[in-house]
Amino acid sequence: MKIQLDQIGKKFNTEWIFRNVSFSFEENSVSAILGRNGSGKSTLLQVVAGNLHPTAGKVVYTHGGQTISSDEIFRHLAMVAPYLELIEDFTLDEMLAFHFSFKRYLPGYDIASVTDLLQFPAMKHKQIRQFSSGMKQRVKLVLAILSDVPILLLDEPTMNLDKTGIDWYLELVHKFAGSRSVIICSNLHQTESAFATKSLQIEEFKQ
């Protein structure tokens, strides 16, 4: 799916977070939104996801030659972000079953194979609240990346991951990004987005 930002701006009260952002996220590509903490990366990603409406400009989504409305874009994306929480009363099996009742698995995958990817089989019947922060982040990542959708939005995807977890994440993205539009929000020079082919420096649009 192609996502075109046309002179996008967003403000809260009287303060502009960013203005006049024009950028194209292409199909079958990995792009990065880069900037320091508090620079507006997550806000822009929320606009791309259709969770926030832009104050100015527009976002245009096209897929297979058809335009997708912003009200329907949630059906076509999966997202990982620090502000999106797991349901901690669920066991891992329950969390996977719940999520994939709304999103389809990638072809060839099911609850058992997704559980295997997480690499902590002893935890499958334990509540999410018993997981470490790194384990919770792995769950968030497989829920998004193993969903059969054309857009992946990854906001600080290596948060709470150690070196082993970061290597696991990089392998996961390289294996499953496929012909999708992947957008990664990251602080500058982070390993999590080093493989992006295009980047948008959000601080260039601060006013």
C-alpha atoms as a PDB file:
ATOM      1  CA  MET A   1       0.000   0.000   0.000  1.00  0.00           C
ATOM      2  CA  LYS A   2       1.203   3.519  -0.808  1.00  0.00           C
ATOM      3  CA  ILE A   3       0.689   6.293   1.735  1.00  0.00           C
ATOM      4  CA  GLN A   4       1.010   9.871   0.537  1.00  0.00           C
ATOM      5  CA  LEU A   5       1.300  12.767   2.984  1.00  0.00           C
ATOM      6  CA  ASP A   6       0.221  16.029   1.392  1.00  0.00           C
ATOM      7  CA  GLN A   7       1.173  19.143   3.379  1.00  0.00           C
ATOM      8  CA  ILE A   8       0.287  17.462   6.683  1.00  0.00           C
ATOM      9  CA  GLY A   9       0.216  19.524   9.855  1.00  0.00           C
ATOM     10  CA  LYS A  10      -0.899  18.780  13.392  1.00  0.00           C
ATOM     11  CA  LYS A  11      -1.358  21.105  16.332  1.00  0.00           C
ATOM     12  CA  PHE A  12      -2.643  20.742  19.871  1.00  0.00           C
ATOM     13  CA  ASN A  13      -4.322  23.879  21.180  1.00  0.00           C
ATOM     14  CA  THR A  14      -2.219  26.653  19.621  1.00  0.00           C
ATOM     15  CA  GLU A  15       1.051  24.738  19.263  1.00  0.00           C
ATOM     16  CA  TRP A  16       2.015  23.157  15.952  1.00  0.00           C
ATOM     17  CA  ILE A  17       3.754  19.819  16.429  1.00  0.00           C
ATOM     18  CA  PHE A  18       4.784  19.787  12.760  1.00  0.00           C
ATOM     19  CA  ARG A  19       3.646  21.536   9.582  1.00  0.00           C
ATOM     20  CA  ASN A  20       3.818  21.117   5.809  1.00  0.00           C
ATOM     21  CA  VAL A  21       4.948  17.488   5.793  1.00  0.00           C
ATOM     22  CA  SER A  22       4.875  16.034   2.281  1.00  0.00           C
ATOM     23  CA  PHE A  23       6.265  12.526   1.933  1.00  0.00           C
ATOM     24  CA  SER A  24       5.507   9.259   0.167  1.00  0.00           C
ATOM     25  CA  PHE A  25       5.689   5.872   1.902  1.00  0.00           C
ATOM     26  CA  GLU A  26       5.943   3.437  -0.993  1.00  0.00           C
ATOM     27  CA  GLU A  27       4.716  -0.127  -1.377  1.00  0.00           C
ATOM     28  CA  ASN A  28       7.231  -2.881  -0.675  1.00  0.00           C
ATOM     29  CA  SER A  29       9.554  -0.531   1.214  1.00  0.00           C
ATOM     30  CA  VAL A  30      10.813   0.225   4.710  1.00  0.00           C
ATOM     31  CA  SER A  31      10.765   3.867   5.762  1.00  0.00           C
ATOM     32  CA  ALA A  32      11.822   5.572   8.978  1.00  0.00           C
ATOM     33  CA  ILE A  33      10.448   8.595  10.808  1.00  0.00           C
ATOM     34  CA  LEU A  34      13.452   9.941  12.716  1.00  0.00           C
ATOM     35  CA  GLY A  35      13.840  12.490  15.478  1.00  0.00           C
ATOM     36  CA  ARG A  36      14.613  13.021  19.133  1.00  0.00           C
ATOM     37  CA  ASN A  37      12.202  12.142  21.929  1.00  0.00           C
ATOM     38  CA  GLY A  38       9.288  14.573  21.964  1.00  0.00           C
ATOM     39  CA  SER A  39       9.866  15.732  18.389  1.00  0.00           C
ATOM     40  CA  GLY A  40       6.496  14.525  17.073  1.00  0.00           C
ATOM     41  CA  LYS A  41       7.362  11.136  15.570  1.00  0.00           C
ATOM     42  CA  SER A  42       4.611   9.252  17.388  1.00  0.00           C
ATOM     43  CA  THR A  43       2.074  11.968  16.640  1.00  0.00           C
ATOM     44  CA  LEU A  44       2.824  11.710  12.930  1.00  0.00           C
ATOM     45  CA  LEU A  45       2.552   7.920  13.082  1.00  0.00           C
ATOM     46  CA  GLN A  46      -0.831   8.273  14.799  1.00  0.00           C
ATOM     47  CA  VAL A  47      -1.957  10.494  11.927  1.00  0.00           C
ATOM     48  CA  VAL A  48      -0.722   7.913   9.403  1.00  0.00           C
ATOM     49  CA  ALA A  49      -2.635   5.220  11.333  1.00  0.00           C
ATOM     50  CA  GLY A  50      -5.853   7.248  11.183  1.00  0.00           C
ATOM     51  CA  ASN A  51      -5.992   7.526  14.977  1.00  0.00           C
ATOM     52  CA  LEU A  52      -5.542  11.298  14.807  1.00  0.00           C
ATOM     53  CA  HIS A  53      -6.913  13.641  12.169  1.00  0.00           C
ATOM     54  CA  PRO A  54      -4.451  16.138  10.706  1.00  0.00           C
ATOM     55  CA  THR A  55      -5.093  19.790  11.456  1.00  0.00           C
ATOM     56  CA  ALA A  56      -3.964  20.648   7.936  1.00  0.00           C
ATOM     57  CA  GLY A  57      -3.322  18.681   4.753  1.00  0.00           C
ATOM     58  CA  LYS A  58      -4.398  15.159   3.942  1.00  0.00           C
ATOM     59  CA  VAL A  59      -3.253  11.540   3.917  1.00  0.00           C
ATOM     60  CA  VAL A  60      -4.018   9.485   0.802  1.00  0.00           C
ATOM     61  CA  TYR A  61      -3.926   5.669   0.912  1.00  0.00           C
ATOM     62  CA  THR A  62      -3.917   3.646  -2.311  1.00  0.00           C
ATOM     63  CA  HIS A  63      -3.871  -0.122  -2.644  1.00  0.00           C
ATOM     64  CA  GLY A  64      -4.242  -2.099  -5.849  1.00  0.00           C
ATOM     65  CA  GLY A  65      -5.181   1.051  -7.718  1.00  0.00           C
ATOM     66  CA  GLN A  66      -7.971   1.901  -5.276  1.00  0.00           C
ATOM     67  CA  THR A  67      -8.149   4.687  -2.719  1.00  0.00           C
ATOM     68  CA  ILE A  68      -8.797   3.596   0.883  1.00  0.00           C
ATOM     69  CA  SER A  69     -10.609   6.035   3.180  1.00  0.00           C
ATOM     70  CA  SER A  70      -8.967   7.076   6.452  1.00  0.00           C
ATOM     71  CA  ASP A  71     -11.975   5.649   8.308  1.00  0.00           C
ATOM     72  CA  GLU A  72     -11.210   2.188   6.909  1.00  0.00           C
ATOM     73  CA  ILE A  73      -7.430   2.207   7.082  1.00  0.00           C
ATOM     74  CA  PHE A  74      -7.364   0.417  10.459  1.00  0.00           C
ATOM     75  CA  ARG A  75      -8.419  -2.756   8.668  1.00  0.00           C
ATOM     76  CA  HIS A  76      -5.236  -2.665   6.601  1.00  0.00           C
ATOM     77  CA  LEU A  77      -2.581  -2.063   9.259  1.00  0.00           C
ATOM     78  CA  ALA A  78      -1.014  -3.472  12.403  1.00  0.00           C
ATOM     79  CA  MET A  79       0.855  -1.345  14.903  1.00  0.00           C
ATOM     80  CA  VAL A  80       3.390  -1.636  17.721  1.00  0.00           C
ATOM     81  CA  ALA A  81       3.826   1.293  20.104  1.00  0.00           C
ATOM     82  CA  PRO A  82       4.748   1.918  23.761  1.00  0.00           C
ATOM     83  CA  TYR A  83       1.294   3.424  24.391  1.00  0.00           C
ATOM     84  CA  LEU A  84      -0.567   0.336  23.062  1.00  0.00           C
ATOM     85  CA  GLU A  85      -0.937  -2.158  25.894  1.00  0.00           C
ATOM     86  CA  LEU A  86      -1.505  -5.891  25.969  1.00  0.00           C
ATOM     87  CA  ILE A  87      -4.401  -7.357  27.969  1.00  0.00           C
ATOM     88  CA  GLU A  88      -2.498  -8.516  31.017  1.00  0.00           C
ATOM     89  CA  ASP A  89      -5.227 -10.788  32.388  1.00  0.00           C
ATOM     90  CA  PHE A  90      -4.950 -12.937  29.240  1.00  0.00           C
ATOM     91  CA  THR A  91      -2.591 -15.859  28.935  1.00  0.00           C
ATOM     92  CA  LEU A  92      -0.307 -15.840  25.904  1.00  0.00           C
ATOM     93  CA  ASP A  93      -2.572 -18.306  24.083  1.00  0.00           C
ATOM     94  CA  GLU A  94      -5.608 -16.144  24.878  1.00  0.00           C
ATOM     95  CA  MET A  95      -3.841 -12.979  23.725  1.00  0.00           C
ATOM     96  CA  LEU A  96      -2.891 -14.558  20.408  1.00  0.00           C
ATOM     97  CA  ALA A  97      -6.361 -16.021  19.868  1.00  0.00           C
ATOM     98  CA  PHE A  98      -7.989 -12.668  20.673  1.00  0.00           C
ATOM     99  CA  HIS A  99      -5.767 -10.640  18.350  1.00  0.00           C
ATOM    100  CA  PHE A 100      -6.034 -13.078  15.454  1.00  0.00           C
ATOM    101  CA  SER A 101      -9.806 -13.125  15.717  1.00  0.00           C
ATOM    102  CA  PHE A 102      -9.585  -9.597  14.237  1.00  0.00           C
ATOM    103  CA  LYS A 103      -6.542 -10.009  11.973  1.00  0.00           C
ATOM    104  CA  ARG A 104      -5.653 -12.940   9.755  1.00  0.00           C
ATOM    105  CA  TYR A 105      -2.389 -14.793  10.225  1.00  0.00           C
ATOM    106  CA  LEU A 106       0.197 -14.545   7.483  1.00  0.00           C
ATOM    107  CA  PRO A 107      -0.254 -17.554   5.175  1.00  0.00           C
ATOM    108  CA  GLY A 108       1.161 -20.727   6.676  1.00  0.00           C
ATOM    109  CA  TYR A 109       1.073 -19.546  10.292  1.00  0.00           C
ATOM    110  CA  ASP A 110      -1.184 -20.333  13.218  1.00  0.00           C
ATOM    111  CA  ILE A 111      -1.183 -19.979  16.993  1.00  0.00           C
ATOM    112  CA  ALA A 112       1.343 -22.793  17.463  1.00  0.00           C
ATOM    113  CA  SER A 113       3.874 -21.487  14.942  1.00  0.00           C
ATOM    114  CA  VAL A 114       3.562 -17.918  16.227  1.00  0.00           C
ATOM    115  CA  THR A 115       4.133 -19.165  19.779  1.00  0.00           C
ATOM    116  CA  ASP A 116       7.265 -20.961  18.563  1.00  0.00           C
ATOM    117  CA  LEU A 117       8.593 -17.698  17.101  1.00  0.00           C
ATOM    118  CA  LEU A 118       8.423 -16.064  20.522  1.00  0.00           C
ATOM    119  CA  GLN A 119      10.921 -18.604  21.897  1.00  0.00           C
ATOM    120  CA  PHE A 120       9.484 -18.898  25.408  1.00  0.00           C
ATOM    121  CA  PRO A 121       7.190 -21.959  25.235  1.00  0.00           C
ATOM    122  CA  ALA A 122       7.040 -22.401  29.025  1.00  0.00           C
ATOM    123  CA  MET A 123       5.048 -19.142  29.268  1.00  0.00           C
ATOM    124  CA  LYS A 124       2.227 -19.979  26.850  1.00  0.00           C
ATOM    125  CA  HIS A 125      -0.295 -20.691  29.610  1.00  0.00           C
ATOM    126  CA  LYS A 126       0.813 -17.871  31.934  1.00  0.00           C
ATOM    127  CA  GLN A 127      -0.858 -14.476  32.184  1.00  0.00           C
ATOM    128  CA  ILE A 128       0.793 -11.616  30.309  1.00  0.00           C
ATOM    129  CA  ARG A 129       1.215  -9.778  33.631  1.00  0.00           C
ATOM    130  CA  GLN A 130       3.845 -12.375  34.566  1.00  0.00           C
ATOM    131  CA  PHE A 131       5.982 -11.564  31.515  1.00  0.00           C
ATOM    132  CA  SER A 132       9.055  -9.336  31.641  1.00  0.00           C
ATOM    133  CA  SER A 133       8.993  -6.048  29.718  1.00  0.00           C
ATOM    134  CA  GLY A 134      11.141  -7.611  26.982  1.00  0.00           C
ATOM    135  CA  MET A 135       8.808 -10.578  26.632  1.00  0.00           C
ATOM    136  CA  LYS A 136       5.806  -8.262  26.357  1.00  0.00           C
ATOM    137  CA  GLN A 137       7.579  -6.355  23.599  1.00  0.00           C
ATOM    138  CA  ARG A 138       8.193  -9.580  21.696  1.00  0.00           C
ATOM    139  CA  VAL A 139       4.489 -10.408  21.952  1.00  0.00           C
ATOM    140  CA  LYS A 140       3.547  -6.965  20.603  1.00  0.00           C
ATOM    141  CA  LEU A 141       5.922  -7.450  17.683  1.00  0.00           C
ATOM    142  CA  VAL A 142       4.660 -10.879  16.619  1.00  0.00           C
ATOM    143  CA  LEU A 143       1.040  -9.753  16.906  1.00  0.00           C
ATOM    144  CA  ALA A 144       1.747  -6.990  14.397  1.00  0.00           C
ATOM    145  CA  ILE A 145       4.312  -8.550  12.099  1.00  0.00           C
ATOM    146  CA  LEU A 146       2.520 -11.903  11.733  1.00  0.00           C
ATOM    147  CA  SER A 147      -0.771 -10.158  10.843  1.00  0.00           C
ATOM    148  CA  ASP A 148      -1.676 -10.390   7.171  1.00  0.00           C
ATOM    149  CA  VAL A 149      -1.920  -6.648   6.486  1.00  0.00           C
ATOM    150  CA  PRO A 150      -0.205  -4.394   3.919  1.00  0.00           C
ATOM    151  CA  ILE A 151       0.978  -1.763   6.454  1.00  0.00           C
ATOM    152  CA  LEU A 152       3.201  -2.255   9.510  1.00  0.00           C
ATOM    153  CA  LEU A 153       3.696   0.687  11.865  1.00  0.00           C
ATOM    154  CA  LEU A 154       6.473   0.151  14.399  1.00  0.00           C
ATOM    155  CA  ASP A 155       7.013   2.865  17.015  1.00  0.00           C
ATOM    156  CA  GLU A 156      10.272   2.306  18.931  1.00  0.00           C
ATOM    157  CA  PRO A 157      10.118  -1.444  18.222  1.00  0.00           C
ATOM    158  CA  THR A 158      13.255  -2.357  20.203  1.00  0.00           C
ATOM    159  CA  MET A 159      12.077  -0.723  23.425  1.00  0.00           C
ATOM    160  CA  ASN A 160      12.826  -3.040  26.390  1.00  0.00           C
ATOM    161  CA  LEU A 161      14.728  -5.525  24.202  1.00  0.00           C
ATOM    162  CA  ASP A 162      18.253  -6.644  25.071  1.00  0.00           C
ATOM    163  CA  LYS A 163      20.890  -7.457  22.448  1.00  0.00           C
ATOM    164  CA  THR A 164      19.430 -10.933  21.872  1.00  0.00           C
ATOM    165  CA  GLY A 165      15.951  -9.449  21.570  1.00  0.00           C
ATOM    166  CA  ILE A 166      17.116  -6.799  19.088  1.00  0.00           C
ATOM    167  CA  ASP A 167      18.737  -9.479  16.902  1.00  0.00           C
ATOM    168  CA  TRP A 168      15.487 -11.465  17.090  1.00  0.00           C
ATOM    169  CA  TYR A 169      13.495  -8.375  16.032  1.00  0.00           C
ATOM    170  CA  LEU A 170      15.792  -7.649  13.084  1.00  0.00           C
ATOM    171  CA  GLU A 171      15.488 -11.243  11.857  1.00  0.00           C
ATOM    172  CA  LEU A 172      11.703 -11.085  12.253  1.00  0.00           C
ATOM    173  CA  VAL A 173      11.397  -7.894  10.204  1.00  0.00           C
ATOM    174  CA  HIS A 174      13.741  -9.073   7.458  1.00  0.00           C
ATOM    175  CA  LYS A 175      11.881 -12.364   7.177  1.00  0.00           C
ATOM    176  CA  PHE A 176       8.322 -11.056   7.254  1.00  0.00           C
ATOM    177  CA  ALA A 177       8.354  -7.483   5.916  1.00  0.00           C
ATOM    178  CA  GLY A 178       7.643  -8.877   2.468  1.00  0.00           C
ATOM    179  CA  SER A 179       5.768  -6.673   0.005  1.00  0.00           C
ATOM    180  CA  ARG A 180       4.432  -4.389   2.704  1.00  0.00           C
ATOM    181  CA  SER A 181       4.804  -0.748   3.637  1.00  0.00           C
ATOM    182  CA  VAL A 182       6.812  -0.726   6.871  1.00  0.00           C
ATOM    183  CA  ILE A 183       7.190   2.535   8.786  1.00  0.00           C
ATOM    184  CA  ILE A 184       9.487   2.664  11.810  1.00  0.00           C
ATOM    185  CA  CYS A 185       9.626   5.529  14.315  1.00  0.00           C
ATOM    186  CA  SER A 186      13.048   5.780  15.884  1.00  0.00           C
ATOM    187  CA  ASN A 187      15.493   8.060  17.629  1.00  0.00           C
ATOM    188  CA  LEU A 188      18.337   9.087  15.368  1.00  0.00           C
ATOM    189  CA  HIS A 189      20.902   6.426  14.389  1.00  0.00           C
ATOM    190  CA  GLN A 190      19.084   3.509  16.008  1.00  0.00           C
ATOM    191  CA  THR A 191      19.755  -0.042  14.839  1.00  0.00           C
ATOM    192  CA  GLU A 192      16.003  -0.673  14.743  1.00  0.00           C
ATOM    193  CA  SER A 193      15.614   1.431  11.577  1.00  0.00           C
ATOM    194  CA  ALA A 194      19.079   1.285  10.002  1.00  0.00           C
ATOM    195  CA  PHE A 195      17.811  -0.862   7.127  1.00  0.00           C
ATOM    196  CA  ALA A 196      15.164   1.671   6.029  1.00  0.00           C
ATOM    197  CA  THR A 197      15.523   2.795   2.422  1.00  0.00           C
ATOM    198  CA  LYS A 198      13.861   6.188   2.999  1.00  0.00           C
ATOM    199  CA  SER A 199      13.695   8.461   6.010  1.00  0.00           C
ATOM    200  CA  LEU A 200      11.729  11.489   7.122  1.00  0.00           C
ATOM    201  CA  GLN A 201      13.440  13.822   9.604  1.00  0.00           C
ATOM    202  CA  ILE A 202      10.484  15.140  11.588  1.00  0.00           C
ATOM    203  CA  GLU A 203      12.453  18.038  13.096  1.00  0.00           C
ATOM    204  CA  GLU A 204      12.752  19.590   9.654  1.00  0.00           C
ATOM    205  CA  PHE A 205       9.013  20.308   9.898  1.00  0.00           C
ATOM    206  CA  LYS A 206       8.974  21.977  13.316  1.00  0.00           C
ATOM    207  CA  GLN A 207       7.730  25.589  13.309  1.00  0.00           C
END
